[in-house]
Amino acid sequence: MQHAAYAHMSRRRNIPASIYLPLVDGFNKCEKWVRSDIVDLKESKTTSWLRRFIGRAKKPAMTWPFPFAEGRLFILTLRAGVEGYHINVGGRHVTSFPYRPGFTLEDATGLAIKGDVEVHSVYATSLPKSHPSFSLQRVLEMSDKWKSPPLPEEPIQLFIGILSATNHFAERMAVRKTWMQSSNIKSSNVVARFFVALNARKEVNSVLKKEAEYFGDIVILPFMDRYELVVLKTMAICEYGVQNLTAAYIMKCDDDTFIRVDAVLKEIRGVSQKKSLYMGNLNLLHRPLRSGKWAVTYEEWPEDIYPPYANGPGYIISSDIAKFIVFHHANQSLRLFKMEDVSMGMWVEQFNTTTAVQYSHNWKFCQYGCMENYYTAHYQSPRQMICLWDKLARGRANCCNFR
């Protein structure tokens, strides 16, 4: 495992090994292996591999930290946390691993055990009502102070639509307690709302409705949540921003996107106010994938390249573009594509044929992860959201490099 090398390096440099290990709910994602053939840092990779495969009389010795022994009983505890599962054996933490994207605990119906293991007994309890981690308790704590005020009647500068899913409660709470507490949002110069489609299970939708009524910041969309319909969520953001508000600009992001609202507003003010605006991390001459998980068929997209489009985790359009999109969608004259960010690129390109659009590109609208002095940071866990907000409170736009 790659962690072995990291641990070896940290001991040589007197750096704690834990800073290199990805965390799940504050626990190490994987325990370290102890190997007898760790490569010396001064030794070249070529020499290392030659020594491994030429003249080697025996395989490297491997020491497992797991407390398993042939023929002996052990007690394994599987616990569900906020970010993932945690496994203890004999009372000692062994490993943790994150939930896969889109996974909901309500859909977990059983536990499968594979391998040469004889199960003597199974004891199951309900999920805990509170999480033992203090930092995550900060994320999940509910209070009236996180509620959103009513929509303002006067014009605002920016409306932010956040794509979310029914089971992403922890993600929404992290957003509510961090960048949605920005001064521009609290003063109603900026408004943010979550956009969530329906779940296949009625009880999940019932919980979502109660959450929406309590916080007042969720727009529940009347269709089932599927990847192919994400583009309709983006359409709903445009409609909401045009029909319910008077906003100069509309921004779309995901619920794992952290936004420096003040920095985004400053970037908007730095461009010409006379032209229509399409701002984000722009892709030029991007080709569709024809194989793999995100494959696009020629029937879906016959062209060789996509139009210029901004990456989905965070981009901005001016209100005139949003009005154009809403108008043509109502007239059924708008082309829809399953990739919502590409769809937006198509719509802006169509608008650009009659009205000049200013395409504004900046890498600080991060597509993957975070960079120093970011405008938006993507793939941020609830713990990272809290960490980023704490750093901003100290005047530093630094990343939080843990899971």
Protein backbone atom coordinates (compact mmCIF):
# COMPACT_ATOMS: atom_id res chain seq x y z
CA MET A 1 0.00 0.00 0.00
CA GLN A 2 1.17 3.51 -0.74
CA HIS A 3 0.79 4.57 2.91
CA ALA A 4 3.82 2.47 3.86
CA ALA A 5 6.15 4.73 1.93
CA TYR A 6 4.56 7.82 3.39
CA ALA A 7 4.94 6.49 6.92
CA HIS A 8 8.60 5.65 6.28
CA MET A 9 9.27 9.12 4.92
CA SER A 10 7.59 10.78 7.87
CA ARG A 11 9.70 8.90 10.38
CA ARG A 12 12.89 9.89 8.59
CA ARG A 13 11.85 13.54 8.52
CA ASN A 14 10.26 13.60 11.99
CA ILE A 15 6.86 14.46 10.50
CA PRO A 16 3.74 12.81 11.96
CA ALA A 17 2.56 10.03 9.64
CA SER A 18 -1.10 11.00 10.15
CA ILE A 19 -0.83 14.16 8.03
CA TYR A 20 -0.26 12.03 4.93
CA LEU A 21 -3.17 9.67 5.56
CA PRO A 22 -6.63 10.49 4.17
CA LEU A 23 -9.20 10.64 6.96
CA VAL A 24 -12.81 9.48 7.24
CA ASP A 25 -14.68 11.12 10.14
CA GLY A 26 -11.26 11.87 11.64
CA PHE A 27 -10.05 8.23 11.48
CA ASN A 28 -7.28 6.92 9.22
CA LYS A 29 -8.64 5.58 5.96
CA CYS A 30 -6.21 2.67 6.04
CA GLU A 31 -3.81 1.24 8.59
CA LYS A 32 -0.13 1.12 7.64
CA TRP A 33 1.68 -2.01 6.49
CA VAL A 34 5.13 -2.66 7.91
CA ARG A 35 7.52 -3.89 5.22
CA SER A 36 11.11 -5.08 5.46
CA ASP A 37 12.12 -3.76 2.03
CA ILE A 38 11.18 -0.06 2.17
CA VAL A 39 13.23 1.74 -0.46
CA ASP A 40 15.86 4.14 0.82
CA LEU A 41 15.10 7.66 -0.36
CA LYS A 42 18.61 7.95 -1.80
CA GLU A 43 18.19 4.79 -3.86
CA SER A 44 16.92 5.20 -7.43
CA LYS A 45 13.67 3.59 -8.53
CA THR A 46 15.49 1.55 -11.19
CA THR A 47 17.95 0.11 -8.66
CA SER A 48 15.09 -0.62 -6.31
CA TRP A 49 13.12 -2.63 -8.85
CA LEU A 50 16.24 -4.53 -10.01
CA ARG A 51 16.94 -5.58 -6.43
CA ARG A 52 13.37 -6.73 -6.04
CA PHE A 53 13.33 -9.04 -9.07
CA ILE A 54 16.96 -10.07 -9.65
CA GLY A 55 18.66 -12.41 -7.25
CA ARG A 56 15.94 -12.16 -4.63
CA ALA A 57 15.84 -15.40 -2.65
CA LYS A 58 12.64 -14.60 -0.76
CA LYS A 59 9.69 -12.22 -0.90
CA PRO A 60 9.62 -9.09 1.25
CA ALA A 61 8.45 -9.75 4.77
CA MET A 62 5.05 -8.22 5.50
CA THR A 63 3.71 -7.56 8.97
CA TRP A 64 -0.05 -7.13 9.27
CA PRO A 65 -1.38 -5.05 12.15
CA PHE A 66 -4.78 -6.75 12.00
CA PRO A 67 -5.53 -8.87 15.11
CA PHE A 68 -6.66 -12.00 13.26
CA ALA A 69 -5.35 -15.46 14.08
CA GLU A 70 -6.20 -18.85 12.56
CA GLY A 71 -8.83 -20.66 14.62
CA ARG A 72 -9.29 -17.88 17.18
CA LEU A 73 -12.46 -15.90 17.77
CA PHE A 74 -12.54 -12.15 17.25
CA ILE A 75 -15.20 -9.44 17.55
CA LEU A 76 -15.57 -7.13 14.57
CA THR A 77 -17.60 -3.93 14.93
CA LEU A 78 -18.85 -2.07 11.85
CA ARG A 79 -20.00 1.49 12.60
CA ALA A 80 -21.60 3.96 10.21
CA GLY A 81 -20.32 7.52 10.56
CA VAL A 82 -21.13 10.73 8.74
CA GLU A 83 -18.50 10.30 6.00
CA GLY A 84 -18.13 6.51 5.88
CA TYR A 85 -17.82 3.15 7.65
CA HIS A 86 -15.40 2.37 10.49
CA ILE A 87 -14.17 -1.10 11.44
CA ASN A 88 -12.86 -2.10 14.86
CA VAL A 89 -11.53 -5.56 15.72
CA GLY A 90 -11.17 -6.51 19.35
CA GLY A 91 -11.90 -2.94 20.36
CA ARG A 92 -9.09 -1.45 18.22
CA HIS A 93 -9.67 0.67 15.11
CA VAL A 94 -8.51 -1.19 12.02
CA THR A 95 -9.69 0.77 9.01
CA SER A 96 -12.22 3.26 7.70
CA PHE A 97 -13.54 3.84 4.21
CA PRO A 98 -15.82 6.53 2.77
CA TYR A 99 -19.29 5.99 1.39
CA ARG A 100 -19.46 5.89 -2.38
CA PRO A 101 -20.96 9.04 -3.97
CA GLY A 102 -24.74 9.10 -3.79
CA PHE A 103 -24.93 6.29 -1.22
CA THR A 104 -27.68 6.57 1.36
CA LEU A 105 -27.75 4.55 4.58
CA GLU A 106 -31.48 3.99 4.12
CA ASP A 107 -30.64 1.78 1.13
CA ALA A 108 -28.30 -0.50 3.11
CA THR A 109 -30.27 -3.72 3.56
CA GLY A 110 -27.63 -6.26 4.53
CA LEU A 111 -24.01 -7.11 5.29
CA ALA A 112 -22.10 -9.63 3.18
CA ILE A 113 -19.02 -11.42 4.56
CA LYS A 114 -16.71 -13.14 2.09
CA GLY A 115 -13.70 -15.35 2.69
CA ASP A 116 -12.76 -18.20 5.02
CA VAL A 117 -14.55 -16.75 8.03
CA GLU A 118 -17.03 -18.64 10.21
CA VAL A 119 -19.67 -16.31 11.67
CA HIS A 120 -20.74 -17.35 15.15
CA SER A 121 -23.23 -14.56 15.88
CA VAL A 122 -24.39 -11.18 14.60
CA TYR A 123 -25.76 -8.38 16.76
CA ALA A 124 -27.16 -5.23 15.12
CA THR A 125 -28.21 -1.95 16.71
CA SER A 126 -29.64 1.27 15.34
CA LEU A 127 -27.55 4.19 14.16
CA PRO A 128 -26.41 6.58 16.92
CA LYS A 129 -28.39 9.79 17.36
CA SER A 130 -25.23 11.88 17.60
CA HIS A 131 -21.73 11.48 16.25
CA PRO A 132 -18.84 11.19 18.73
CA SER A 133 -16.55 13.49 16.70
CA PHE A 134 -16.78 17.07 17.98
CA SER A 135 -15.92 18.59 14.59
CA LEU A 136 -18.66 16.63 12.87
CA GLN A 137 -21.09 17.46 15.64
CA ARG A 138 -20.49 21.07 14.66
CA VAL A 139 -21.64 20.14 11.17
CA LEU A 140 -24.80 18.33 12.18
CA GLU A 141 -25.99 20.55 15.03
CA MET A 142 -29.34 22.14 14.14
CA SER A 143 -30.39 25.61 15.27
CA ASP A 144 -32.69 28.44 14.24
CA LYS A 145 -29.66 30.58 13.43
CA TRP A 146 -28.99 28.50 10.31
CA LYS A 147 -32.41 29.31 8.82
CA SER A 148 -32.54 31.43 5.67
CA PRO A 149 -34.44 34.74 5.67
CA PRO A 150 -37.29 35.32 3.16
CA LEU A 151 -36.38 36.37 -0.36
CA PRO A 152 -35.60 40.09 -0.59
CA GLU A 153 -37.87 42.31 -2.67
CA GLU A 154 -35.08 44.65 -3.78
CA PRO A 155 -32.55 43.71 -6.52
CA ILE A 156 -29.57 41.59 -5.52
CA GLN A 157 -26.18 41.12 -7.13
CA LEU A 158 -25.91 37.32 -7.18
CA PHE A 159 -28.20 34.31 -6.84
CA ILE A 160 -26.47 30.97 -6.10
CA GLY A 161 -28.26 27.73 -6.93
CA ILE A 162 -26.76 24.66 -5.23
CA LEU A 163 -27.39 21.20 -6.69
CA SER A 164 -27.96 18.66 -3.93
CA ALA A 165 -29.52 15.22 -3.35
CA THR A 166 -32.11 14.06 -0.82
CA ASN A 167 -29.62 12.14 1.33
CA HIS A 168 -26.98 14.91 1.40
CA PHE A 169 -28.11 16.42 4.71
CA ALA A 170 -24.58 16.62 6.14
CA GLU A 171 -23.38 18.43 3.01
CA ARG A 172 -26.23 20.95 3.21
CA MET A 173 -25.62 21.57 6.91
CA ALA A 174 -21.93 22.18 6.22
CA VAL A 175 -22.81 24.77 3.56
CA ARG A 176 -25.37 26.44 5.86
CA LYS A 177 -22.81 26.80 8.63
CA THR A 178 -19.93 28.01 6.47
CA TRP A 179 -20.04 30.09 3.31
CA MET A 180 -23.82 30.67 3.55
CA GLN A 181 -22.95 32.71 6.65
CA SER A 182 -20.95 35.14 4.49
CA SER A 183 -21.69 38.80 5.15
CA ASN A 184 -23.00 39.35 1.60
CA ILE A 185 -25.54 36.54 2.09
CA LYS A 186 -26.53 37.67 5.57
CA SER A 187 -27.12 41.20 4.22
CA SER A 188 -29.26 39.79 1.33
CA ASN A 189 -26.89 41.14 -1.33
CA VAL A 190 -26.49 37.48 -2.31
CA VAL A 191 -29.12 34.72 -2.01
CA ALA A 192 -28.42 30.96 -2.00
CA ARG A 193 -30.85 28.04 -2.33
CA PHE A 194 -30.50 24.25 -2.62
CA PHE A 195 -32.20 22.47 -5.53
CA VAL A 196 -33.18 18.87 -4.78
CA ALA A 197 -35.18 16.40 -6.87
CA LEU A 198 -37.38 13.64 -5.44
CA ASN A 199 -36.25 10.29 -4.08
CA ALA A 200 -37.83 6.96 -5.01
CA ARG A 201 -38.73 6.42 -1.33
CA LYS A 202 -41.63 8.40 0.11
CA GLU A 203 -40.22 8.46 3.64
CA VAL A 204 -37.01 10.10 2.37
CA ASN A 205 -39.04 12.78 0.60
CA SER A 206 -41.03 13.34 3.80
CA VAL A 207 -37.83 14.03 5.76
CA LEU A 208 -36.61 16.35 2.99
CA LYS A 209 -39.88 18.30 3.11
CA LYS A 210 -39.52 18.81 6.88
CA GLU A 211 -35.95 20.02 6.36
CA ALA A 212 -37.12 22.45 3.67
CA GLU A 213 -39.87 23.82 5.92
CA TYR A 214 -37.47 24.24 8.84
CA PHE A 215 -34.58 25.97 7.06
CA GLY A 216 -36.46 27.67 4.22
CA ASP A 217 -33.59 27.25 1.77
CA ILE A 218 -34.56 24.19 -0.33
CA VAL A 219 -36.38 24.17 -3.65
CA ILE A 220 -37.90 20.69 -4.13
CA LEU A 221 -38.17 19.82 -7.82
CA PRO A 222 -41.12 17.70 -9.08
CA PHE A 223 -39.16 14.90 -10.79
CA MET A 224 -37.10 11.88 -9.77
CA ASP A 225 -33.41 12.41 -9.13
CA ARG A 226 -31.40 10.82 -11.95
CA TYR A 227 -28.11 11.76 -13.60
CA GLU A 228 -29.78 12.28 -16.98
CA LEU A 229 -32.11 14.87 -15.41
CA VAL A 230 -29.46 16.99 -13.68
CA VAL A 231 -29.76 19.45 -16.56
CA LEU A 232 -33.34 20.13 -15.40
CA LYS A 233 -31.96 21.22 -12.02
CA THR A 234 -29.78 23.79 -13.78
CA MET A 235 -32.81 24.92 -15.75
CA ALA A 236 -34.72 25.28 -12.47
CA ILE A 237 -31.94 27.47 -11.04
CA CYS A 238 -32.26 29.82 -14.02
CA GLU A 239 -36.07 29.91 -13.70
CA TYR A 240 -35.93 30.59 -9.96
CA GLY A 241 -33.35 33.33 -10.38
CA VAL A 242 -35.39 35.03 -13.11
CA GLN A 243 -38.92 34.58 -11.77
CA ASN A 244 -38.46 34.92 -7.98
CA LEU A 245 -35.62 37.44 -7.76
CA THR A 246 -34.09 40.40 -9.50
CA ALA A 247 -30.49 39.23 -9.66
CA ALA A 248 -27.75 40.70 -11.83
CA TYR A 249 -25.94 37.33 -12.00
CA ILE A 250 -26.78 33.69 -11.38
CA MET A 251 -24.29 31.10 -10.17
CA LYS A 252 -24.56 27.33 -10.19
CA CYS A 253 -22.53 25.07 -7.87
CA ASP A 254 -22.66 21.66 -6.15
CA ASP A 255 -23.21 20.95 -2.46
CA ASP A 256 -19.58 19.85 -2.09
CA THR A 257 -18.37 23.20 -3.46
CA PHE A 258 -17.03 25.78 -1.02
CA ILE A 259 -17.42 29.38 -2.28
CA ARG A 260 -15.50 32.47 -1.25
CA VAL A 261 -18.48 34.72 -1.89
CA ASP A 262 -16.58 37.99 -1.46
CA ALA A 263 -13.84 36.88 -3.87
CA VAL A 264 -16.41 35.81 -6.50
CA LEU A 265 -18.21 39.16 -6.26
CA LYS A 266 -14.90 41.01 -6.63
CA GLU A 267 -14.07 38.95 -9.72
CA ILE A 268 -17.46 39.77 -11.24
CA ARG A 269 -16.99 43.48 -10.58
CA GLY A 270 -13.62 43.33 -12.33
CA VAL A 271 -15.14 42.56 -15.73
CA SER A 272 -17.10 44.82 -18.06
CA GLN A 273 -20.66 45.37 -16.88
CA LYS A 274 -21.74 46.30 -20.41
CA LYS A 275 -21.43 42.77 -21.84
CA SER A 276 -23.23 39.56 -21.03
CA LEU A 277 -21.04 37.33 -18.84
CA TYR A 278 -20.15 33.63 -18.74
CA MET A 279 -17.53 33.05 -16.03
CA GLY A 280 -15.82 29.97 -14.63
CA ASN A 281 -13.12 27.40 -15.29
CA LEU A 282 -13.63 27.16 -19.06
CA ASN A 283 -12.95 24.16 -21.28
CA LEU A 284 -11.99 24.84 -24.90
CA LEU A 285 -12.03 22.22 -27.69
CA HIS A 286 -13.02 19.52 -25.21
CA ARG A 287 -13.80 16.16 -26.84
CA PRO A 288 -16.59 13.84 -25.63
CA LEU A 289 -15.59 10.49 -24.15
CA ARG A 290 -16.81 7.61 -26.29
CA SER A 291 -16.10 4.79 -23.82
CA GLY A 292 -16.05 4.20 -20.08
CA LYS A 293 -18.34 5.29 -17.26
CA TRP A 294 -19.00 8.79 -18.71
CA ALA A 295 -19.31 7.65 -22.33
CA VAL A 296 -21.39 9.75 -24.74
CA THR A 297 -22.79 8.02 -27.81
CA TYR A 298 -22.75 9.57 -31.29
CA GLU A 299 -26.55 9.65 -31.15
CA GLU A 300 -26.34 11.78 -27.99
CA TRP A 301 -23.56 14.03 -29.31
CA PRO A 302 -22.55 13.58 -32.99
CA GLU A 303 -20.02 16.46 -33.04
CA ASP A 304 -16.30 15.91 -32.42
CA ILE A 305 -15.94 18.64 -29.78
CA TYR A 306 -18.11 20.39 -27.24
CA PRO A 307 -18.72 24.14 -27.34
CA PRO A 308 -16.71 26.20 -24.81
CA TYR A 309 -18.20 25.42 -21.40
CA ALA A 310 -17.40 26.09 -17.74
CA ASN A 311 -16.89 23.18 -15.36
CA GLY A 312 -20.01 22.34 -13.38
CA PRO A 313 -18.79 22.76 -9.75
CA GLY A 314 -19.04 26.53 -10.05
CA TYR A 315 -19.85 28.96 -12.88
CA ILE A 316 -21.69 32.26 -13.36
CA ILE A 317 -23.97 33.71 -16.04
CA SER A 318 -25.50 37.17 -16.32
CA SER A 319 -29.26 37.48 -15.89
CA ASP A 320 -29.91 38.19 -19.60
CA ILE A 321 -28.48 34.77 -20.48
CA ALA A 322 -30.68 33.16 -17.82
CA LYS A 323 -33.77 34.93 -19.23
CA PHE A 324 -32.85 33.71 -22.73
CA ILE A 325 -32.59 30.13 -21.43
CA VAL A 326 -35.93 30.28 -19.60
CA PHE A 327 -37.70 31.82 -22.61
CA HIS A 328 -36.46 29.26 -25.13
CA HIS A 329 -37.08 26.36 -22.76
CA ALA A 330 -40.71 27.48 -22.38
CA ASN A 331 -40.96 27.56 -26.19
CA GLN A 332 -39.36 24.11 -26.43
CA SER A 333 -36.61 25.53 -28.64
CA LEU A 334 -33.70 24.77 -26.32
CA ARG A 335 -31.46 21.76 -26.87
CA LEU A 336 -30.95 19.65 -23.72
CA PHE A 337 -27.97 17.40 -23.03
CA LYS A 338 -27.43 15.05 -20.09
CA MET A 339 -24.22 16.84 -19.02
CA GLU A 340 -25.55 20.05 -17.49
CA ASP A 341 -22.32 22.04 -17.77
CA VAL A 342 -22.01 21.21 -21.47
CA SER A 343 -25.67 22.16 -21.90
CA MET A 344 -24.96 25.57 -20.41
CA GLY A 345 -22.08 25.97 -22.86
CA MET A 346 -24.47 25.17 -25.72
CA TRP A 347 -27.05 27.70 -24.54
CA VAL A 348 -24.47 30.46 -24.08
CA GLU A 349 -23.08 29.74 -27.55
CA GLN A 350 -26.60 30.05 -28.98
CA PHE A 351 -27.13 33.34 -27.11
CA ASN A 352 -23.73 34.56 -28.34
CA THR A 353 -24.91 34.43 -31.98
CA THR A 354 -27.09 37.50 -31.40
CA THR A 355 -25.60 39.15 -28.29
CA ALA A 356 -21.89 39.40 -27.52
CA VAL A 357 -20.85 37.34 -24.50
CA GLN A 358 -17.74 37.94 -22.46
CA TYR A 359 -16.18 34.53 -21.72
CA SER A 360 -14.15 34.91 -18.51
CA HIS A 361 -11.85 32.03 -17.54
CA ASN A 362 -10.11 31.52 -14.21
CA TRP A 363 -8.47 28.40 -12.76
CA LYS A 364 -9.47 29.53 -9.27
CA PHE A 365 -12.94 28.11 -9.96
CA CYS A 366 -11.43 24.73 -9.09
CA GLN A 367 -12.71 21.66 -10.90
CA TYR A 368 -10.81 19.15 -8.75
CA GLY A 369 -10.13 19.84 -5.10
CA CYS A 370 -8.67 23.13 -3.94
CA MET A 371 -5.85 25.55 -4.72
CA GLU A 372 -4.42 28.43 -2.71
CA ASN A 373 -6.44 31.65 -3.00
CA TYR A 374 -9.28 29.72 -4.63
CA TYR A 375 -12.62 31.24 -5.58
CA THR A 376 -14.39 27.89 -5.33
CA ALA A 377 -13.09 24.57 -3.99
CA HIS A 378 -14.69 21.32 -5.16
CA TYR A 379 -15.01 17.83 -3.63
CA GLN A 380 -14.94 19.28 -0.10
CA SER A 381 -16.26 17.06 2.70
CA PRO A 382 -18.28 18.54 5.59
CA ARG A 383 -15.13 18.55 7.74
CA GLN A 384 -13.20 20.37 5.04
CA MET A 385 -16.00 22.94 4.72
CA ILE A 386 -15.70 23.74 8.44
CA CYS A 387 -11.92 23.89 8.18
CA LEU A 388 -12.00 26.23 5.16
CA TRP A 389 -14.47 28.52 6.92
CA ASP A 390 -12.30 28.62 10.05
CA LYS A 391 -9.28 29.58 7.94
CA LEU A 392 -11.22 32.32 6.15
CA ALA A 393 -12.23 33.72 9.54
CA ARG A 394 -8.50 34.16 10.19
CA GLY A 395 -8.05 35.91 6.83
CA ARG A 396 -6.41 33.01 4.98
CA ALA A 397 -7.75 31.39 1.81
CA ASN A 398 -5.79 28.18 2.34
CA CYS A 399 -6.85 24.63 1.53
CA CYS A 400 -7.58 21.87 4.05
CA ASN A 401 -5.78 18.82 2.72
CA PHE A 402 -7.61 16.02 4.42
CA ARG A 403 -10.63 14.05 3.34
